[in-house]
Amino acid sequence: MPYKVEEGAIEHAKYLAKMAVREAAHPTERHSHKVQWRWASAVAVAAVIVVGVIGFVKYYDDIFRPMSPMEELIAEMKSASDEIIYDLSVDSGYYLEEENQL
């Protein structure tokens, strides 16, 4: 069987087979990096989805049910301090007297 085999080809084939068996038995870090990238991308996608859902729920009322000016005033008055409410009531009484004088 006269095959033309280069010098050292059999040793090189043995070496490659040995490395393939070792790689199959104990994967190198190349494979673990791929797994890490997959996990990292999966976590990033999940985080984007969670942030998107929270943002949508938070701003749902603002987008689809805007508050009327009176509702906004009531909400601001509930969170306002007593001094501001007193000043507003004094000012409204003052301007009410001016309208009656006309």
N, C-alpha and C. Protein backbone atom coordinates (compact mmCIF):
# COMPACT_ATOMS: atom_id res chain seq x y z
N MET A 1 0.84 -1.18 0.00
CA MET A 1 0.00 0.00 0.00
C MET A 1 0.88 1.23 0.00
N PRO A 2 1.15 1.69 -1.12
CA PRO A 2 2.04 2.85 -1.21
C PRO A 2 1.27 4.18 -1.08
N TYR A 3 1.14 4.69 0.12
CA TYR A 3 0.53 6.00 0.34
C TYR A 3 1.64 7.01 0.55
N LYS A 4 1.38 8.22 0.03
CA LYS A 4 2.37 9.28 0.20
C LYS A 4 2.04 10.03 1.50
N VAL A 5 2.72 9.75 2.56
CA VAL A 5 2.52 10.38 3.86
C VAL A 5 3.75 11.20 4.17
N GLU A 6 3.49 12.45 4.49
CA GLU A 6 4.61 13.34 4.79
C GLU A 6 5.27 12.93 6.11
N GLU A 7 6.47 13.35 6.27
CA GLU A 7 7.21 13.02 7.46
C GLU A 7 6.63 13.78 8.65
N GLY A 8 6.30 13.10 9.72
CA GLY A 8 5.75 13.71 10.92
C GLY A 8 4.23 13.85 10.89
N ALA A 9 3.57 13.44 9.83
CA ALA A 9 2.11 13.59 9.72
C ALA A 9 1.39 12.69 10.71
N ILE A 10 1.91 11.51 10.93
CA ILE A 10 1.26 10.58 11.86
C ILE A 10 1.38 11.10 13.29
N GLU A 11 2.52 11.61 13.66
CA GLU A 11 2.69 12.18 15.01
C GLU A 11 1.77 13.40 15.19
N HIS A 12 1.64 14.21 14.14
CA HIS A 12 0.77 15.39 14.20
C HIS A 12 -0.69 14.96 14.35
N ALA A 13 -1.11 13.92 13.64
CA ALA A 13 -2.48 13.41 13.76
C ALA A 13 -2.73 12.86 15.15
N LYS A 14 -1.75 12.15 15.71
CA LYS A 14 -1.88 11.64 17.08
C LYS A 14 -2.03 12.79 18.08
N TYR A 15 -1.22 13.83 17.89
CA TYR A 15 -1.28 15.00 18.78
C TYR A 15 -2.65 15.67 18.69
N LEU A 16 -3.18 15.86 17.47
CA LEU A 16 -4.48 16.49 17.31
C LEU A 16 -5.59 15.64 17.93
N ALA A 17 -5.52 14.33 17.77
CA ALA A 17 -6.51 13.44 18.38
C ALA A 17 -6.44 13.52 19.90
N LYS A 18 -5.22 13.56 20.45
CA LYS A 18 -5.04 13.64 21.89
C LYS A 18 -5.62 14.95 22.43
N MET A 19 -5.39 16.06 21.71
CA MET A 19 -5.92 17.35 22.14
C MET A 19 -7.45 17.38 22.04
N ALA A 20 -8.00 16.73 21.04
CA ALA A 20 -9.46 16.68 20.90
C ALA A 20 -10.09 15.90 22.05
N VAL A 21 -9.45 14.80 22.45
CA VAL A 21 -9.95 14.02 23.58
C VAL A 21 -9.87 14.84 24.86
N ARG A 22 -8.77 15.53 25.08
CA ARG A 22 -8.63 16.38 26.27
C ARG A 22 -9.67 17.51 26.27
N GLU A 23 -9.91 18.11 25.14
CA GLU A 23 -10.88 19.19 25.04
C GLU A 23 -12.29 18.68 25.34
N ALA A 24 -12.59 17.47 24.88
CA ALA A 24 -13.91 16.90 25.16
C ALA A 24 -14.06 16.55 26.64
N ALA A 25 -12.97 16.09 27.27
CA ALA A 25 -13.03 15.71 28.68
C ALA A 25 -13.08 16.93 29.59
N HIS A 26 -12.28 17.94 29.29
CA HIS A 26 -12.21 19.16 30.10
C HIS A 26 -12.25 20.36 29.18
N PRO A 27 -13.43 20.94 28.94
CA PRO A 27 -13.51 22.09 28.03
C PRO A 27 -12.67 23.26 28.53
N THR A 28 -12.07 23.97 27.61
CA THR A 28 -11.24 25.12 27.98
C THR A 28 -12.14 26.32 28.24
N GLU A 29 -11.51 27.42 28.56
CA GLU A 29 -12.26 28.62 28.90
C GLU A 29 -13.00 29.21 27.71
N ARG A 30 -12.65 28.84 26.52
CA ARG A 30 -13.37 29.38 25.36
C ARG A 30 -14.85 29.04 25.44
N HIS A 31 -15.14 27.83 25.84
CA HIS A 31 -16.53 27.43 25.94
C HIS A 31 -17.22 28.09 27.12
N SER A 32 -16.50 28.24 28.22
CA SER A 32 -17.11 28.87 29.39
C SER A 32 -17.35 30.36 29.12
N HIS A 33 -16.51 31.00 28.32
CA HIS A 33 -16.75 32.39 27.96
C HIS A 33 -18.03 32.51 27.14
N LYS A 34 -18.26 31.56 26.26
CA LYS A 34 -19.49 31.59 25.48
C LYS A 34 -20.71 31.46 26.40
N VAL A 35 -20.60 30.60 27.38
CA VAL A 35 -21.71 30.42 28.32
C VAL A 35 -21.90 31.69 29.14
N GLN A 36 -20.78 32.30 29.56
CA GLN A 36 -20.89 33.54 30.33
C GLN A 36 -21.53 34.64 29.51
N TRP A 37 -21.18 34.75 28.25
CA TRP A 37 -21.79 35.76 27.39
C TRP A 37 -23.28 35.50 27.21
N ARG A 38 -23.65 34.24 27.08
CA ARG A 38 -25.08 33.92 26.95
C ARG A 38 -25.84 34.30 28.21
N TRP A 39 -25.26 33.97 29.37
CA TRP A 39 -25.93 34.34 30.62
C TRP A 39 -25.99 35.85 30.79
N ALA A 40 -24.91 36.53 30.47
CA ALA A 40 -24.89 37.99 30.60
C ALA A 40 -25.93 38.63 29.69
N SER A 41 -26.02 38.15 28.46
CA SER A 41 -27.00 38.73 27.55
C SER A 41 -28.41 38.40 28.00
N ALA A 42 -28.64 37.20 28.54
CA ALA A 42 -29.97 36.85 29.03
C ALA A 42 -30.37 37.72 30.21
N VAL A 43 -29.42 37.97 31.11
CA VAL A 43 -29.70 38.83 32.27
C VAL A 43 -29.96 40.27 31.81
N ALA A 44 -29.21 40.74 30.84
CA ALA A 44 -29.41 42.09 30.33
C ALA A 44 -30.79 42.23 29.68
N VAL A 45 -31.19 41.26 28.92
CA VAL A 45 -32.51 41.31 28.28
C VAL A 45 -33.61 41.29 29.34
N ALA A 46 -33.45 40.45 30.35
CA ALA A 46 -34.44 40.40 31.43
C ALA A 46 -34.52 41.72 32.18
N ALA A 47 -33.37 42.36 32.42
CA ALA A 47 -33.37 43.65 33.11
C ALA A 47 -34.06 44.72 32.28
N VAL A 48 -33.83 44.71 30.98
CA VAL A 48 -34.49 45.69 30.10
C VAL A 48 -35.99 45.48 30.11
N ILE A 49 -36.43 44.23 30.10
CA ILE A 49 -37.86 43.95 30.13
C ILE A 49 -38.48 44.41 31.45
N VAL A 50 -37.81 44.13 32.56
CA VAL A 50 -38.33 44.54 33.86
C VAL A 50 -38.41 46.06 33.96
N VAL A 51 -37.38 46.75 33.54
CA VAL A 51 -37.39 48.22 33.58
C VAL A 51 -38.47 48.76 32.65
N GLY A 52 -38.66 48.16 31.50
CA GLY A 52 -39.70 48.60 30.58
C GLY A 52 -41.09 48.42 31.16
N VAL A 53 -41.32 47.29 31.81
CA VAL A 53 -42.64 47.05 32.41
C VAL A 53 -42.89 48.03 33.55
N ILE A 54 -41.90 48.24 34.38
CA ILE A 54 -42.06 49.18 35.50
C ILE A 54 -42.30 50.59 34.97
N GLY A 55 -41.56 50.98 33.96
CA GLY A 55 -41.76 52.31 33.38
C GLY A 55 -43.12 52.46 32.75
N PHE A 56 -43.60 51.42 32.07
CA PHE A 56 -44.92 51.48 31.45
C PHE A 56 -46.00 51.60 32.51
N VAL A 57 -45.89 50.82 33.58
CA VAL A 57 -46.89 50.88 34.64
C VAL A 57 -46.86 52.24 35.33
N LYS A 58 -45.67 52.76 35.54
CA LYS A 58 -45.54 54.05 36.24
C LYS A 58 -46.15 55.20 35.45
N TYR A 59 -45.93 55.20 34.15
CA TYR A 59 -46.40 56.32 33.33
C TYR A 59 -47.67 56.00 32.56
N TYR A 60 -48.33 54.88 32.87
CA TYR A 60 -49.55 54.50 32.17
C TYR A 60 -50.64 55.55 32.37
N ASP A 61 -50.82 55.99 33.61
CA ASP A 61 -51.86 56.98 33.89
C ASP A 61 -51.58 58.31 33.20
N ASP A 62 -50.32 58.71 33.15
CA ASP A 62 -49.98 59.98 32.52
C ASP A 62 -50.24 59.94 31.01
N ILE A 63 -50.02 58.78 30.40
CA ILE A 63 -50.16 58.67 28.95
C ILE A 63 -51.62 58.51 28.55
N PHE A 64 -52.33 57.60 29.20
CA PHE A 64 -53.67 57.25 28.75
C PHE A 64 -54.79 57.94 29.51
N ARG A 65 -54.50 58.42 30.70
CA ARG A 65 -55.52 59.13 31.47
C ARG A 65 -54.91 60.38 32.08
N PRO A 66 -54.74 61.43 31.30
CA PRO A 66 -54.14 62.65 31.87
C PRO A 66 -55.08 63.29 32.89
N MET A 67 -54.47 63.92 33.89
CA MET A 67 -55.26 64.55 34.95
C MET A 67 -55.82 65.88 34.46
N SER A 68 -57.02 66.20 34.92
CA SER A 68 -57.59 67.51 34.61
C SER A 68 -56.90 68.56 35.47
N PRO A 69 -57.00 69.82 35.09
CA PRO A 69 -56.35 70.85 35.90
C PRO A 69 -56.85 70.88 37.35
N MET A 70 -58.13 70.59 37.57
CA MET A 70 -58.67 70.61 38.93
C MET A 70 -58.09 69.44 39.74
N GLU A 71 -57.95 68.28 39.12
CA GLU A 71 -57.35 67.14 39.83
C GLU A 71 -55.89 67.44 40.18
N GLU A 72 -55.17 68.10 39.28
CA GLU A 72 -53.79 68.48 39.57
C GLU A 72 -53.73 69.44 40.75
N LEU A 73 -54.65 70.42 40.79
CA LEU A 73 -54.69 71.38 41.89
C LEU A 73 -54.96 70.69 43.21
N ILE A 74 -55.91 69.74 43.20
CA ILE A 74 -56.24 69.01 44.42
C ILE A 74 -55.04 68.20 44.90
N ALA A 75 -54.34 67.56 43.98
CA ALA A 75 -53.16 66.76 44.35
C ALA A 75 -52.06 67.64 44.91
N GLU A 76 -51.88 68.83 44.33
CA GLU A 76 -50.86 69.75 44.84
C GLU A 76 -51.25 70.30 46.20
N MET A 77 -52.55 70.57 46.41
CA MET A 77 -53.00 71.11 47.69
C MET A 77 -52.84 70.07 48.80
N LYS A 78 -52.99 68.78 48.47
CA LYS A 78 -52.82 67.74 49.48
C LYS A 78 -51.38 67.66 49.97
N SER A 79 -50.44 67.96 49.07
CA SER A 79 -49.03 67.86 49.46
C SER A 79 -48.43 69.21 49.87
N ALA A 80 -49.21 70.27 49.82
CA ALA A 80 -48.68 71.60 50.13
C ALA A 80 -48.64 71.81 51.65
N SER A 81 -47.76 72.70 52.08
CA SER A 81 -47.67 73.01 53.51
C SER A 81 -48.78 73.97 53.91
N ASP A 82 -49.00 74.10 55.21
CA ASP A 82 -50.07 74.96 55.72
C ASP A 82 -49.82 76.42 55.38
N GLU A 83 -48.57 76.85 55.38
CA GLU A 83 -48.26 78.25 55.07
C GLU A 83 -48.68 78.61 53.64
N ILE A 84 -48.41 77.72 52.71
CA ILE A 84 -48.76 77.99 51.32
C ILE A 84 -50.28 78.03 51.16
N ILE A 85 -50.98 77.14 51.81
CA ILE A 85 -52.46 77.14 51.73
C ILE A 85 -53.01 78.42 52.34
N TYR A 86 -52.45 78.88 53.45
CA TYR A 86 -52.90 80.12 54.08
C TYR A 86 -52.66 81.30 53.14
N ASP A 87 -51.49 81.37 52.52
CA ASP A 87 -51.21 82.47 51.60
C ASP A 87 -52.17 82.45 50.42
N LEU A 88 -52.46 81.28 49.90
CA LEU A 88 -53.41 81.19 48.78
C LEU A 88 -54.80 81.63 49.19
N SER A 89 -55.22 81.26 50.39
CA SER A 89 -56.57 81.63 50.83
C SER A 89 -56.66 83.13 51.09
N VAL A 90 -55.60 83.73 51.62
CA VAL A 90 -55.58 85.18 51.84
C VAL A 90 -55.63 85.91 50.50
N ASP A 91 -54.82 85.44 49.55
CA ASP A 91 -54.81 86.08 48.24
C ASP A 91 -56.15 85.93 47.53
N SER A 92 -56.77 84.78 47.65
CA SER A 92 -58.06 84.61 46.98
C SER A 92 -59.11 85.52 47.60
N GLY A 93 -59.07 85.71 48.92
CA GLY A 93 -60.00 86.63 49.57
C GLY A 93 -59.75 88.05 49.13
N TYR A 94 -58.50 88.44 48.97
CA TYR A 94 -58.16 89.80 48.54
C TYR A 94 -58.66 90.05 47.12
N TYR A 95 -58.42 89.11 46.22
CA TYR A 95 -58.85 89.30 44.84
C TYR A 95 -60.36 89.20 44.70
N LEU A 96 -61.01 88.45 45.58
CA LEU A 96 -62.46 88.35 45.56
C LEU A 96 -63.07 89.69 45.93
N GLU A 97 -62.49 90.42 46.89
CA GLU A 97 -62.99 91.73 47.28
C GLU A 97 -62.84 92.72 46.13
N GLU A 98 -61.76 92.64 45.37
CA GLU A 98 -61.58 93.53 44.23
C GLU A 98 -62.63 93.31 43.17
N GLU A 99 -63.01 92.08 42.92
CA GLU A 99 -64.02 91.80 41.92
C GLU A 99 -65.37 92.34 42.35
N ASN A 100 -65.66 92.31 43.64
CA ASN A 100 -66.95 92.81 44.12
C ASN A 100 -67.00 94.34 44.03
N GLN A 101 -65.89 95.00 44.11
CA GLN A 101 -65.88 96.45 44.06
C GLN A 101 -66.15 96.97 42.66
N LEU A 102 -65.87 96.23 41.68
CA LEU A 102 -66.09 96.68 40.31
C LEU A 102 -67.55 96.66 40.07
